[in-house]
Amino acid sequence: MQSAGLGLTEVPTDDLKSLLKQVHRGQVPSPLEKAHLLSMGMNRIAENGGYLLVGLDSRALRSLLTCVISERINRR
C-alpha cells in the first residue's frame, strides 16, 4: 500500500531496473497506467510509489527511472 511522502523508496532497485529495461524495449504502454503495471506483474511498483509513474510517457518514465536508479547506485 502506498504511503504519502515515501515516493519510490519502498520499491527494490531490481524492480525499477526491470521496468526500465522493459521501457527501453518498448514493452511498456505509454502513458503508463497502474493497470499496466499490475498486468505486467509489477505489483510492488504499482502499490508502492507507482502513483508517481502513472501518466508518464516513455521518455519521462525513462528519465525518472534512470535518475532514481543512478541516485541509489551513487549512494553506496
PDB file of N, CA and C in Angstrom:
ATOM      1  N   MET A   1       0.833  -1.175   0.000  1.00  0.00           N
ATOM      2  CA  MET A   1       0.000   0.000   0.000  1.00  0.00           C
ATOM      3  C   MET A   1       0.881   1.242   0.000  1.00  0.00           C
ATOM      4  N   GLN A   2       0.516   2.229  -0.800  1.00  0.00           N
ATOM      5  CA  GLN A   2       1.333   3.424  -0.909  1.00  0.00           C
ATOM      6  C   GLN A   2       1.216   4.309   0.315  1.00  0.00           C
ATOM      7  N   SER A   3       2.341   4.878   0.702  1.00  0.00           N
ATOM      8  CA  SER A   3       2.370   5.799   1.818  1.00  0.00           C
ATOM      9  C   SER A   3       2.798   7.158   1.298  1.00  0.00           C
ATOM     10  N   ALA A   4       2.063   8.178   1.640  1.00  0.00           N
ATOM     11  CA  ALA A   4       2.362   9.516   1.173  1.00  0.00           C
ATOM     12  C   ALA A   4       3.758   9.925   1.606  1.00  0.00           C
ATOM     13  N   GLY A   5       4.488  10.512   0.696  1.00  0.00           N
ATOM     14  CA  GLY A   5       5.802  11.033   1.010  1.00  0.00           C
ATOM     15  C   GLY A   5       6.952  10.067   0.842  1.00  0.00           C
ATOM     16  N   LEU A   6       6.676   8.786   0.663  1.00  0.00           N
ATOM     17  CA  LEU A   6       7.764   7.817   0.520  1.00  0.00           C
ATOM     18  C   LEU A   6       8.233   7.657  -0.917  1.00  0.00           C
ATOM     19  N   GLY A   7       7.448   8.123  -1.863  1.00  0.00           N
ATOM     20  CA  GLY A   7       7.834   8.014  -3.265  1.00  0.00           C
ATOM     21  C   GLY A   7       8.150   6.585  -3.645  1.00  0.00           C
ATOM     22  N   LEU A   8       9.283   6.391  -4.277  1.00  0.00           N
ATOM     23  CA  LEU A   8       9.696   5.065  -4.743  1.00  0.00           C
ATOM     24  C   LEU A   8      10.655   4.373  -3.777  1.00  0.00           C
ATOM     25  N   THR A   9      10.811   4.910  -2.566  1.00  0.00           N
ATOM     26  CA  THR A   9      11.778   4.342  -1.626  1.00  0.00           C
ATOM     27  C   THR A   9      11.466   2.910  -1.212  1.00  0.00           C
ATOM     28  N   GLU A  10      10.198   2.527  -1.278  1.00  0.00           N
ATOM     29  CA  GLU A  10       9.797   1.173  -0.876  1.00  0.00           C
ATOM     30  C   GLU A  10       9.942   0.154  -2.010  1.00  0.00           C
ATOM     31  N   VAL A  11      10.305   0.616  -3.204  1.00  0.00           N
ATOM     32  CA  VAL A  11      10.427  -0.261  -4.370  1.00  0.00           C
ATOM     33  C   VAL A  11      11.879  -0.706  -4.504  1.00  0.00           C
ATOM     34  N   PRO A  12      12.136  -2.012  -4.550  1.00  0.00           N
ATOM     35  CA  PRO A  12      13.503  -2.503  -4.718  1.00  0.00           C
ATOM     36  C   PRO A  12      14.123  -2.008  -6.036  1.00  0.00           C
ATOM     37  N   THR A  13      15.399  -1.722  -5.984  1.00  0.00           N
ATOM     38  CA  THR A  13      16.122  -1.240  -7.163  1.00  0.00           C
ATOM     39  C   THR A  13      16.007  -2.225  -8.320  1.00  0.00           C
ATOM     40  N   ASP A  14      16.060  -3.506  -8.041  1.00  0.00           N
ATOM     41  CA  ASP A  14      15.960  -4.504  -9.115  1.00  0.00           C
ATOM     42  C   ASP A  14      14.626  -4.405  -9.841  1.00  0.00           C
ATOM     43  N   ASP A  15      13.554  -4.086  -9.132  1.00  0.00           N
ATOM     44  CA  ASP A  15      12.241  -3.912  -9.768  1.00  0.00           C
ATOM     45  C   ASP A  15      12.263  -2.703 -10.706  1.00  0.00           C
ATOM     46  N   LEU A  16      12.897  -1.620 -10.259  1.00  0.00           N
ATOM     47  CA  LEU A  16      12.985  -0.421 -11.100  1.00  0.00           C
ATOM     48  C   LEU A  16      13.836  -0.684 -12.337  1.00  0.00           C
ATOM     49  N   LYS A  17      14.923  -1.429 -12.156  1.00  0.00           N
ATOM     50  CA  LYS A  17      15.777  -1.781 -13.297  1.00  0.00           C
ATOM     51  C   LYS A  17      15.013  -2.638 -14.299  1.00  0.00           C
ATOM     52  N   SER A  18      14.222  -3.557 -13.804  1.00  0.00           N
ATOM     53  CA  SER A  18      13.422  -4.416 -14.678  1.00  0.00           C
ATOM     54  C   SER A  18      12.426  -3.589 -15.486  1.00  0.00           C
ATOM     55  N   LEU A  19      11.767  -2.652 -14.822  1.00  0.00           N
ATOM     56  CA  LEU A  19      10.821  -1.789 -15.526  1.00  0.00           C
ATOM     57  C   LEU A  19      11.540  -0.940 -16.565  1.00  0.00           C
ATOM     58  N   LEU A  20      12.695  -0.408 -16.218  1.00  0.00           N
ATOM     59  CA  LEU A  20      13.457   0.411 -17.154  1.00  0.00           C
ATOM     60  C   LEU A  20      13.856  -0.389 -18.392  1.00  0.00           C
ATOM     61  N   LYS A  21      14.272  -1.629 -18.208  1.00  0.00           N
ATOM     62  CA  LYS A  21      14.611  -2.488 -19.348  1.00  0.00           C
ATOM     63  C   LYS A  21      13.405  -2.657 -20.268  1.00  0.00           C
ATOM     64  N   GLN A  22      12.243  -2.859 -19.676  1.00  0.00           N
ATOM     65  CA  GLN A  22      11.040  -3.032 -20.488  1.00  0.00           C
ATOM     66  C   GLN A  22      10.654  -1.747 -21.208  1.00  0.00           C
ATOM     67  N   VAL A  23      10.894  -0.619 -20.576  1.00  0.00           N
ATOM     68  CA  VAL A  23      10.632   0.672 -21.236  1.00  0.00           C
ATOM     69  C   VAL A  23      11.550   0.809 -22.446  1.00  0.00           C
ATOM     70  N   HIS A  24      12.823   0.505 -22.267  1.00  0.00           N
ATOM     71  CA  HIS A  24      13.792   0.594 -23.373  1.00  0.00           C
ATOM     72  C   HIS A  24      13.417  -0.340 -24.528  1.00  0.00           C
ATOM     73  N   ARG A  25      12.838  -1.461 -24.216  1.00  0.00           N
ATOM     74  CA  ARG A  25      12.447  -2.437 -25.246  1.00  0.00           C
ATOM     75  C   ARG A  25      11.102  -2.102 -25.887  1.00  0.00           C
ATOM     76  N   GLY A  26      10.454  -1.057 -25.417  1.00  0.00           N
ATOM     77  CA  GLY A  26       9.162  -0.668 -25.972  1.00  0.00           C
ATOM     78  C   GLY A  26       8.014  -1.557 -25.519  1.00  0.00           C
ATOM     79  N   GLN A  27       8.180  -2.221 -24.382  1.00  0.00           N
ATOM     80  CA  GLN A  27       7.177  -3.157 -23.881  1.00  0.00           C
ATOM     81  C   GLN A  27       6.227  -2.543 -22.855  1.00  0.00           C
ATOM     82  N   VAL A  28       6.380  -1.243 -22.599  1.00  0.00           N
ATOM     83  CA  VAL A  28       5.539  -0.571 -21.609  1.00  0.00           C
ATOM     84  C   VAL A  28       4.637   0.421 -22.331  1.00  0.00           C
ATOM     85  N   PRO A  29       3.331   0.289 -22.152  1.00  0.00           N
ATOM     86  CA  PRO A  29       2.400   1.218 -22.808  1.00  0.00           C
ATOM     87  C   PRO A  29       2.627   2.656 -22.341  1.00  0.00           C
ATOM     88  N   SER A  30       2.332   3.582 -23.224  1.00  0.00           N
ATOM     89  CA  SER A  30       2.522   4.993 -22.917  1.00  0.00           C
ATOM     90  C   SER A  30       1.260   5.767 -23.248  1.00  0.00           C
ATOM     91  N   PRO A  31       0.770   6.597 -22.348  1.00  0.00           N
ATOM     92  CA  PRO A  31       1.266   6.840 -20.997  1.00  0.00           C
ATOM     93  C   PRO A  31       0.967   5.656 -20.081  1.00  0.00           C
ATOM     94  N   LEU A  32       1.793   5.518 -19.070  1.00  0.00           N
ATOM     95  CA  LEU A  32       1.677   4.397 -18.143  1.00  0.00           C
ATOM     96  C   LEU A  32       0.462   4.556 -17.237  1.00  0.00           C
ATOM     97  N   GLU A  33      -0.207   3.444 -16.980  1.00  0.00           N
ATOM     98  CA  GLU A  33      -1.325   3.407 -16.040  1.00  0.00           C
ATOM     99  C   GLU A  33      -1.051   2.324 -15.000  1.00  0.00           C
ATOM    100  N   LYS A  34      -1.657   2.458 -13.835  1.00  0.00           N
ATOM    101  CA  LYS A  34      -1.468   1.473 -12.769  1.00  0.00           C
ATOM    102  C   LYS A  34      -1.863   0.080 -13.251  1.00  0.00           C
ATOM    103  N   ALA A  35      -2.918  -0.004 -14.037  1.00  0.00           N
ATOM    104  CA  ALA A  35      -3.368  -1.296 -14.559  1.00  0.00           C
ATOM    105  C   ALA A  35      -2.285  -1.956 -15.412  1.00  0.00           C
ATOM    106  N   HIS A  36      -1.499  -1.147 -16.125  1.00  0.00           N
ATOM    107  CA  HIS A  36      -0.402  -1.698 -16.927  1.00  0.00           C
ATOM    108  C   HIS A  36       0.634  -2.358 -16.018  1.00  0.00           C
ATOM    109  N   LEU A  37       0.991  -1.666 -14.946  1.00  0.00           N
ATOM    110  CA  LEU A  37       1.972  -2.232 -14.015  1.00  0.00           C
ATOM    111  C   LEU A  37       1.473  -3.546 -13.429  1.00  0.00           C
ATOM    112  N   LEU A  38       0.215  -3.562 -13.022  1.00  0.00           N
ATOM    113  CA  LEU A  38      -0.359  -4.777 -12.444  1.00  0.00           C
ATOM    114  C   LEU A  38      -0.393  -5.912 -13.464  1.00  0.00           C
ATOM    115  N   SER A  39      -0.755  -5.611 -14.693  1.00  0.00           N
ATOM    116  CA  SER A  39      -0.823  -6.665 -15.717  1.00  0.00           C
ATOM    117  C   SER A  39       0.559  -7.179 -16.100  1.00  0.00           C
ATOM    118  N   MET A  40       1.587  -6.381 -15.842  1.00  0.00           N
ATOM    119  CA  MET A  40       2.970  -6.783 -16.133  1.00  0.00           C
ATOM    120  C   MET A  40       3.589  -7.530 -14.952  1.00  0.00           C
ATOM    121  N   GLY A  41       2.820  -7.685 -13.862  1.00  0.00           N
ATOM    122  CA  GLY A  41       3.339  -8.372 -12.685  1.00  0.00           C
ATOM    123  C   GLY A  41       4.211  -7.495 -11.801  1.00  0.00           C
ATOM    124  N   MET A  42       4.128  -6.194 -11.994  1.00  0.00           N
ATOM    125  CA  MET A  42       4.942  -5.254 -11.223  1.00  0.00           C
ATOM    126  C   MET A  42       4.105  -4.661 -10.087  1.00  0.00           C
ATOM    127  N   ASN A  43       3.544  -5.543  -9.295  1.00  0.00           N
ATOM    128  CA  ASN A  43       2.649  -5.139  -8.211  1.00  0.00           C
ATOM    129  C   ASN A  43       3.342  -4.303  -7.148  1.00  0.00           C
ATOM    130  N   ARG A  44       4.609  -4.622  -6.835  1.00  0.00           N
ATOM    131  CA  ARG A  44       5.308  -3.840  -5.809  1.00  0.00           C
ATOM    132  C   ARG A  44       5.478  -2.392  -6.247  1.00  0.00           C
ATOM    133  N   ILE A  45       5.737  -2.189  -7.525  1.00  0.00           N
ATOM    134  CA  ILE A  45       5.848  -0.817  -8.030  1.00  0.00           C
ATOM    135  C   ILE A  45       4.479  -0.159  -8.020  1.00  0.00           C
ATOM    136  N   ALA A  46       3.475  -0.870  -8.500  1.00  0.00           N
ATOM    137  CA  ALA A  46       2.126  -0.315  -8.587  1.00  0.00           C
ATOM    138  C   ALA A  46       1.604   0.119  -7.225  1.00  0.00           C
ATOM    139  N   GLU A  47       1.911  -0.649  -6.191  1.00  0.00           N
ATOM    140  CA  GLU A  47       1.379  -0.374  -4.859  1.00  0.00           C
ATOM    141  C   GLU A  47       2.282   0.500  -3.996  1.00  0.00           C
ATOM    142  N   ASN A  48       3.533   0.672  -4.387  1.00  0.00           N
ATOM    143  CA  ASN A  48       4.494   1.423  -3.570  1.00  0.00           C
ATOM    144  C   ASN A  48       5.198   2.485  -4.412  1.00  0.00           C
ATOM    145  N   GLY A  49       4.530   3.547  -4.669  1.00  0.00           N
ATOM    146  CA  GLY A  49       5.149   4.641  -5.407  1.00  0.00           C
ATOM    147  C   GLY A  49       4.784   4.696  -6.866  1.00  0.00           C
ATOM    148  N   GLY A  50       4.043   3.728  -7.337  1.00  0.00           N
ATOM    149  CA  GLY A  50       3.651   3.703  -8.745  1.00  0.00           C
ATOM    150  C   GLY A  50       2.838   4.907  -9.163  1.00  0.00           C
ATOM    151  N   TYR A  51       2.179   5.534  -8.189  1.00  0.00           N
ATOM    152  CA  TYR A  51       1.391   6.726  -8.500  1.00  0.00           C
ATOM    153  C   TYR A  51       2.262   7.837  -9.090  1.00  0.00           C
ATOM    154  N   LEU A  52       3.560   7.820  -8.801  1.00  0.00           N
ATOM    155  CA  LEU A  52       4.471   8.812  -9.370  1.00  0.00           C
ATOM    156  C   LEU A  52       4.748   8.566 -10.844  1.00  0.00           C
ATOM    157  N   LEU A  53       4.550   7.341 -11.290  1.00  0.00           N
ATOM    158  CA  LEU A  53       4.855   6.955 -12.661  1.00  0.00           C
ATOM    159  C   LEU A  53       3.638   7.025 -13.574  1.00  0.00           C
ATOM    160  N   VAL A  54       2.457   6.961 -12.981  1.00  0.00           N
ATOM    161  CA  VAL A  54       1.221   6.951 -13.756  1.00  0.00           C
ATOM    162  C   VAL A  54       1.087   8.252 -14.536  1.00  0.00           C
ATOM    163  N   GLY A  55       0.767   8.099 -15.813  1.00  0.00           N
ATOM    164  CA  GLY A  55       0.569   9.250 -16.676  1.00  0.00           C
ATOM    165  C   GLY A  55       1.805   9.676 -17.443  1.00  0.00           C
ATOM    166  N   LEU A  56       2.957   9.089 -17.107  1.00  0.00           N
ATOM    167  CA  LEU A  56       4.192   9.461 -17.793  1.00  0.00           C
ATOM    168  C   LEU A  56       4.307   8.750 -19.130  1.00  0.00           C
ATOM    169  N   ASP A  57       4.853   9.467 -20.122  1.00  0.00           N
ATOM    170  CA  ASP A  57       5.134   8.826 -21.397  1.00  0.00           C
ATOM    171  C   ASP A  57       6.484   8.111 -21.285  1.00  0.00           C
ATOM    172  N   SER A  58       6.865   7.411 -22.320  1.00  0.00           N
ATOM    173  CA  SER A  58       8.086   6.598 -22.275  1.00  0.00           C
ATOM    174  C   SER A  58       9.329   7.421 -21.977  1.00  0.00           C
ATOM    175  N   ARG A  59       9.417   8.582 -22.573  1.00  0.00           N
ATOM    176  CA  ARG A  59      10.602   9.429 -22.376  1.00  0.00           C
ATOM    177  C   ARG A  59      10.718   9.887 -20.922  1.00  0.00           C
ATOM    178  N   ALA A  60       9.615  10.360 -20.364  1.00  0.00           N
ATOM    179  CA  ALA A  60       9.620  10.817 -18.972  1.00  0.00           C
ATOM    180  C   ALA A  60       9.864   9.652 -18.015  1.00  0.00           C
ATOM    181  N   LEU A  61       9.286   8.515 -18.315  1.00  0.00           N
ATOM    182  CA  LEU A  61       9.461   7.330 -17.488  1.00  0.00           C
ATOM    183  C   LEU A  61      10.923   6.892 -17.477  1.00  0.00           C
ATOM    184  N   ARG A  62      11.536   6.872 -18.658  1.00  0.00           N
ATOM    185  CA  ARG A  62      12.962   6.522 -18.772  1.00  0.00           C
ATOM    186  C   ARG A  62      13.809   7.478 -17.934  1.00  0.00           C
ATOM    187  N   SER A  63      13.520   8.754 -18.046  1.00  0.00           N
ATOM    188  CA  SER A  63      14.298   9.771 -17.323  1.00  0.00           C
ATOM    189  C   SER A  63      14.166   9.602 -15.810  1.00  0.00           C
ATOM    190  N   LEU A  64      12.936   9.450 -15.341  1.00  0.00           N
ATOM    191  CA  LEU A  64      12.707   9.319 -13.905  1.00  0.00           C
ATOM    192  C   LEU A  64      13.354   8.065 -13.339  1.00  0.00           C
ATOM    193  N   LEU A  65      13.157   6.944 -14.007  1.00  0.00           N
ATOM    194  CA  LEU A  65      13.739   5.683 -13.531  1.00  0.00           C
ATOM    195  C   LEU A  65      15.265   5.739 -13.537  1.00  0.00           C
ATOM    196  N   THR A  66      15.834   6.325 -14.575  1.00  0.00           N
ATOM    197  CA  THR A  66      17.289   6.453 -14.663  1.00  0.00           C
ATOM    198  C   THR A  66      17.824   7.294 -13.513  1.00  0.00           C
ATOM    199  N   CYS A  67      17.147   8.383 -13.201  1.00  0.00           N
ATOM    200  CA  CYS A  67      17.563   9.250 -12.085  1.00  0.00           C
ATOM    201  C   CYS A  67      17.501   8.522 -10.753  1.00  0.00           C
ATOM    202  N   VAL A  68      16.408   7.836 -10.494  1.00  0.00           N
ATOM    203  CA  VAL A  68      16.241   7.140  -9.214  1.00  0.00           C
ATOM    204  C   VAL A  68      17.281   6.035  -9.063  1.00  0.00           C
ATOM    205  N   ILE A  69      17.464   5.250 -10.113  1.00  0.00           N
ATOM    206  CA  ILE A  69      18.441   4.154 -10.063  1.00  0.00           C
ATOM    207  C   ILE A  69      19.856   4.707  -9.884  1.00  0.00           C
ATOM    208  N   SER A  70      20.194   5.756 -10.628  1.00  0.00           N
ATOM    209  CA  SER A  70      21.524   6.359 -10.521  1.00  0.00           C
ATOM    210  C   SER A  70      21.795   6.912  -9.131  1.00  0.00           C
ATOM    211  N   GLU A  71      20.798   7.544  -8.563  1.00  0.00           N
ATOM    212  CA  GLU A  71      20.949   8.089  -7.217  1.00  0.00           C
ATOM    213  C   GLU A  71      21.199   6.981  -6.209  1.00  0.00           C
ATOM    214  N   ARG A  72      20.495   5.888  -6.352  1.00  0.00           N
ATOM    215  CA  ARG A  72      20.687   4.763  -5.422  1.00  0.00           C
ATOM    216  C   ARG A  72      22.058   4.141  -5.575  1.00  0.00           C
ATOM    217  N   ILE A  73      22.508   3.993  -6.796  1.00  0.00           N
ATOM    218  CA  ILE A  73      23.820   3.386  -7.044  1.00  0.00           C
ATOM    219  C   ILE A  73      24.921   4.277  -6.500  1.00  0.00           C
ATOM    220  N   ASN A  74      24.783   5.589  -6.671  1.00  0.00           N
ATOM    221  CA  ASN A  74      25.814   6.526  -6.223  1.00  0.00           C
ATOM    222  C   ASN A  74      25.841   6.707  -4.713  1.00  0.00           C
ATOM    223  N   ARG A  75      24.799   6.274  -4.029  1.00  0.00           N
ATOM    224  CA  ARG A  75      24.722   6.375  -2.574  1.00  0.00           C
ATOM    225  C   ARG A  75      25.556   5.313  -1.866  1.00  0.00           C
ATOM    226  N   ARG A  76      25.899   4.275  -2.567  1.00  0.00           N
ATOM    227  CA  ARG A  76      26.622   3.145  -1.944  1.00  0.00           C
ATOM    228  C   ARG A  76      28.038   3.499  -1.614  1.00  0.00           C
TER     229      ARG A  76
END
